[in-house]
């Protein structure tokens, strides 16, 4: 399995499109998900983690910040026209991750195992693949 590349924030921001078209939104959401869930690999465990896990180690404030970043993905999904059910499901993923994160040790393990942003990206990709087929990219 290929290791995720470490995220270089400056290079990432230079490449992100700022448009409102579905392809630009897809690129931004995928970049945010990578930053939050798969930024680097934990040595020894060989498991990718991201900013969501790292800032989740800071009690309450870190979990609130991670939830705010995850909510941005939900906001982008709303702007893409996902149904209210899908938006509610995505908000539920972020909320569940936030509530679990508030529990001291269990929350850190939950951030390691429950990837709400990856789940939300999957919902967005499914919507874009169905309604905006020109935005489909081949995943490696």
C-alpha atoms as a PDB file:
ATOM      1  CA  UNK A   1       0.000   0.000   0.000  1.00  0.00           C
ATOM      2  CA  UNK A   2       1.381   3.404  -0.935  1.00  0.00           C
ATOM      3  CA  UNK A   3       2.200   5.806   1.835  1.00  0.00           C
ATOM      4  CA  UNK A   4       0.416   9.158   1.796  1.00  0.00           C
ATOM      5  CA  UNK A   5       2.622  12.078   0.883  1.00  0.00           C
ATOM      6  CA  UNK A   6       3.333  14.567   3.661  1.00  0.00           C
ATOM      7  CA  UNK A   7       1.244  17.666   3.142  1.00  0.00           C
ATOM      8  CA  UNK A   8       3.087  20.836   2.186  1.00  0.00           C
ATOM      9  CA  UNK A   9       0.469  23.477   2.995  1.00  0.00           C
ATOM     10  CA  UNK A  10       1.965  26.253   0.848  1.00  0.00           C
ATOM     11  CA  UNK A  11       2.243  24.046  -2.236  1.00  0.00           C
ATOM     12  CA  UNK A  12      -1.249  22.701  -1.642  1.00  0.00           C
ATOM     13  CA  UNK A  13      -2.783  26.172  -1.459  1.00  0.00           C
ATOM     14  CA  UNK A  14      -1.055  27.225  -4.678  1.00  0.00           C
ATOM     15  CA  UNK A  15      -2.644  24.330  -6.571  1.00  0.00           C
ATOM     16  CA  UNK A  16      -6.202  24.637  -5.243  1.00  0.00           C
ATOM     17  CA  UNK A  17      -8.742  26.137  -7.628  1.00  0.00           C
ATOM     18  CA  UNK A  18     -10.943  28.878  -6.209  1.00  0.00           C
ATOM     19  CA  UNK A  19     -13.901  28.470  -8.589  1.00  0.00           C
ATOM     20  CA  UNK A  20     -17.430  27.532  -7.677  1.00  0.00           C
ATOM     21  CA  UNK A  21     -17.713  24.846 -10.346  1.00  0.00           C
ATOM     22  CA  UNK A  22     -18.064  21.206  -9.188  1.00  0.00           C
ATOM     23  CA  UNK A  23     -14.529  20.264 -10.289  1.00  0.00           C
ATOM     24  CA  UNK A  24     -12.995  23.071  -8.199  1.00  0.00           C
ATOM     25  CA  UNK A  25     -15.127  22.190  -5.185  1.00  0.00           C
ATOM     26  CA  UNK A  26     -14.143  18.539  -5.540  1.00  0.00           C
ATOM     27  CA  UNK A  27     -10.447  19.442  -5.567  1.00  0.00           C
ATOM     28  CA  UNK A  28     -10.791  21.623  -2.457  1.00  0.00           C
ATOM     29  CA  UNK A  29     -12.817  19.058  -0.512  1.00  0.00           C
ATOM     30  CA  UNK A  30     -10.406  16.252  -1.408  1.00  0.00           C
ATOM     31  CA  UNK A  31      -7.469  18.416  -0.290  1.00  0.00           C
ATOM     32  CA  UNK A  32      -9.190  19.238   3.019  1.00  0.00           C
ATOM     33  CA  UNK A  33      -9.998  15.565   3.624  1.00  0.00           C
ATOM     34  CA  UNK A  34      -6.376  14.619   2.952  1.00  0.00           C
ATOM     35  CA  UNK A  35      -5.173  17.312   5.366  1.00  0.00           C
ATOM     36  CA  UNK A  36      -7.610  16.237   8.082  1.00  0.00           C
ATOM     37  CA  UNK A  37      -7.395  12.452   7.729  1.00  0.00           C
ATOM     38  CA  UNK A  38      -4.276  11.349   5.805  1.00  0.00           C
ATOM     39  CA  UNK A  39      -1.501  13.928   6.215  1.00  0.00           C
ATOM     40  CA  UNK A  40       1.193  11.574   7.493  1.00  0.00           C
ATOM     41  CA  UNK A  41       1.748   8.004   8.643  1.00  0.00           C
ATOM     42  CA  UNK A  42       2.281   7.040  12.281  1.00  0.00           C
ATOM     43  CA  UNK A  43       5.630   5.223  12.519  1.00  0.00           C
ATOM     44  CA  UNK A  44       5.278   1.668  13.744  1.00  0.00           C
ATOM     45  CA  UNK A  45       1.524   1.532  13.160  1.00  0.00           C
ATOM     46  CA  UNK A  46       1.789   2.264   9.440  1.00  0.00           C
ATOM     47  CA  UNK A  47      -1.599   3.985   9.570  1.00  0.00           C
ATOM     48  CA  UNK A  48      -2.263   7.401   8.050  1.00  0.00           C
ATOM     49  CA  UNK A  49      -3.534  10.143  10.356  1.00  0.00           C
ATOM     50  CA  UNK A  50      -4.115  13.816   9.881  1.00  0.00           C
ATOM     51  CA  UNK A  51      -4.789  17.119  11.504  1.00  0.00           C
ATOM     52  CA  UNK A  52      -8.126  15.899  12.917  1.00  0.00           C
ATOM     53  CA  UNK A  53      -6.309  13.356  15.081  1.00  0.00           C
ATOM     54  CA  UNK A  54      -3.476  15.679  16.089  1.00  0.00           C
ATOM     55  CA  UNK A  55      -5.591  18.675  17.114  1.00  0.00           C
ATOM     56  CA  UNK A  56      -8.093  16.294  18.713  1.00  0.00           C
ATOM     57  CA  UNK A  57      -5.449  15.562  21.358  1.00  0.00           C
ATOM     58  CA  UNK A  58      -6.055  19.071  22.771  1.00  0.00           C
ATOM     59  CA  UNK A  59      -9.102  18.732  25.044  1.00  0.00           C
ATOM     60  CA  UNK A  60     -12.338  20.471  23.940  1.00  0.00           C
ATOM     61  CA  UNK A  61     -10.702  23.262  21.871  1.00  0.00           C
ATOM     62  CA  UNK A  62      -9.018  20.815  19.501  1.00  0.00           C
ATOM     63  CA  UNK A  63     -12.236  18.853  19.023  1.00  0.00           C
ATOM     64  CA  UNK A  64     -14.184  22.052  18.378  1.00  0.00           C
ATOM     65  CA  UNK A  65     -11.622  23.175  15.798  1.00  0.00           C
ATOM     66  CA  UNK A  66     -11.689  19.766  14.091  1.00  0.00           C
ATOM     67  CA  UNK A  67     -15.508  19.916  14.009  1.00  0.00           C
ATOM     68  CA  UNK A  68     -15.374  23.412  12.485  1.00  0.00           C
ATOM     69  CA  UNK A  69     -13.008  22.204   9.742  1.00  0.00           C
ATOM     70  CA  UNK A  70     -15.254  19.198   9.112  1.00  0.00           C
ATOM     71  CA  UNK A  71     -18.271  21.500   8.953  1.00  0.00           C
ATOM     72  CA  UNK A  72     -16.626  23.386   6.104  1.00  0.00           C
ATOM     73  CA  UNK A  73     -16.815  20.175   4.049  1.00  0.00           C
ATOM     74  CA  UNK A  74     -20.525  19.931   4.883  1.00  0.00           C
ATOM     75  CA  UNK A  75     -20.987  23.569   3.824  1.00  0.00           C
ATOM     76  CA  UNK A  76     -19.297  22.865   0.480  1.00  0.00           C
ATOM     77  CA  UNK A  77     -21.594  19.853   0.033  1.00  0.00           C
ATOM     78  CA  UNK A  78     -24.624  22.056   0.684  1.00  0.00           C
ATOM     79  CA  UNK A  79     -23.426  24.455  -2.005  1.00  0.00           C
ATOM     80  CA  UNK A  80     -23.108  21.513  -4.426  1.00  0.00           C
ATOM     81  CA  UNK A  81     -26.791  20.733  -3.960  1.00  0.00           C
ATOM     82  CA  UNK A  82     -26.705  17.514  -1.959  1.00  0.00           C
ATOM     83  CA  UNK A  83     -30.069  16.523  -0.532  1.00  0.00           C
ATOM     84  CA  UNK A  84     -31.135  17.506   2.964  1.00  0.00           C
ATOM     85  CA  UNK A  85     -30.849  13.862   4.013  1.00  0.00           C
ATOM     86  CA  UNK A  86     -27.252  13.675   2.807  1.00  0.00           C
ATOM     87  CA  UNK A  87     -26.402  16.979   4.504  1.00  0.00           C
ATOM     88  CA  UNK A  88     -27.978  15.732   7.741  1.00  0.00           C
ATOM     89  CA  UNK A  89     -26.001  12.497   7.466  1.00  0.00           C
ATOM     90  CA  UNK A  90     -22.770  14.431   6.943  1.00  0.00           C
ATOM     91  CA  UNK A  91     -23.536  16.765   9.851  1.00  0.00           C
ATOM     92  CA  UNK A  92     -24.256  13.680  11.947  1.00  0.00           C
ATOM     93  CA  UNK A  93     -20.832  12.260  11.064  1.00  0.00           C
ATOM     94  CA  UNK A  94     -19.126  15.484  12.140  1.00  0.00           C
ATOM     95  CA  UNK A  95     -21.278  15.744  15.284  1.00  0.00           C
ATOM     96  CA  UNK A  96     -20.636  12.121  16.249  1.00  0.00           C
ATOM     97  CA  UNK A  97     -16.896  12.656  15.802  1.00  0.00           C
ATOM     98  CA  UNK A  98     -17.086  15.830  17.931  1.00  0.00           C
ATOM     99  CA  UNK A  99     -19.056  14.204  20.763  1.00  0.00           C
ATOM    100  CA  UNK A 100     -16.774  11.165  20.836  1.00  0.00           C
ATOM    101  CA  UNK A 101     -13.760  13.469  20.829  1.00  0.00           C
ATOM    102  CA  UNK A 102     -14.927  15.082  24.061  1.00  0.00           C
ATOM    103  CA  UNK A 103     -14.400  11.821  25.975  1.00  0.00           C
ATOM    104  CA  UNK A 104     -10.741  11.926  27.104  1.00  0.00           C
ATOM    105  CA  UNK A 105      -9.069   8.677  25.978  1.00  0.00           C
ATOM    106  CA  UNK A 106     -11.911   7.136  24.000  1.00  0.00           C
ATOM    107  CA  UNK A 107     -12.160  10.275  21.855  1.00  0.00           C
ATOM    108  CA  UNK A 108      -8.548  10.054  20.754  1.00  0.00           C
ATOM    109  CA  UNK A 109      -9.008   6.425  19.748  1.00  0.00           C
ATOM    110  CA  UNK A 110     -12.229   7.354  17.940  1.00  0.00           C
ATOM    111  CA  UNK A 111     -10.405  10.035  15.930  1.00  0.00           C
ATOM    112  CA  UNK A 112      -7.898   7.371  14.969  1.00  0.00           C
ATOM    113  CA  UNK A 113     -10.584   4.898  13.854  1.00  0.00           C
ATOM    114  CA  UNK A 114     -13.719   6.898  12.884  1.00  0.00           C
ATOM    115  CA  UNK A 115     -12.889   9.119   9.921  1.00  0.00           C
ATOM    116  CA  UNK A 116     -15.911  11.387   9.560  1.00  0.00           C
ATOM    117  CA  UNK A 117     -14.300  13.537   6.875  1.00  0.00           C
ATOM    118  CA  UNK A 118     -13.468  10.499   4.741  1.00  0.00           C
ATOM    119  CA  UNK A 119     -17.049   9.304   5.072  1.00  0.00           C
ATOM    120  CA  UNK A 120     -18.317  12.731   4.060  1.00  0.00           C
ATOM    121  CA  UNK A 121     -15.948  12.859   1.084  1.00  0.00           C
ATOM    122  CA  UNK A 122     -17.332   9.504  -0.048  1.00  0.00           C
ATOM    123  CA  UNK A 123     -20.868  10.948  -0.009  1.00  0.00           C
ATOM    124  CA  UNK A 124     -19.743  14.015  -1.971  1.00  0.00           C
ATOM    125  CA  UNK A 125     -17.903  11.899  -4.532  1.00  0.00           C
ATOM    126  CA  UNK A 126     -20.964   9.712  -5.032  1.00  0.00           C
ATOM    127  CA  UNK A 127     -23.100  12.817  -5.634  1.00  0.00           C
ATOM    128  CA  UNK A 128     -20.577  14.389  -8.016  1.00  0.00           C
ATOM    129  CA  UNK A 129     -20.068  11.155  -9.945  1.00  0.00           C
ATOM    130  CA  UNK A 130     -23.817  10.891 -10.461  1.00  0.00           C
ATOM    131  CA  UNK A 131     -24.727  14.529 -11.129  1.00  0.00           C
ATOM    132  CA  UNK A 132     -21.477  15.977 -12.525  1.00  0.00           C
ATOM    133  CA  UNK A 133     -19.739  13.132 -14.381  1.00  0.00           C
ATOM    134  CA  UNK A 134     -17.156  15.488 -15.892  1.00  0.00           C
ATOM    135  CA  UNK A 135     -15.566  15.834 -12.439  1.00  0.00           C
ATOM    136  CA  UNK A 136     -14.764  12.115 -12.099  1.00  0.00           C
ATOM    137  CA  UNK A 137     -11.105  11.405 -11.441  1.00  0.00           C
ATOM    138  CA  UNK A 138      -9.325   8.087 -11.478  1.00  0.00           C
ATOM    139  CA  UNK A 139      -8.086   7.219  -7.992  1.00  0.00           C
ATOM    140  CA  UNK A 140      -4.789   5.400  -7.685  1.00  0.00           C
END
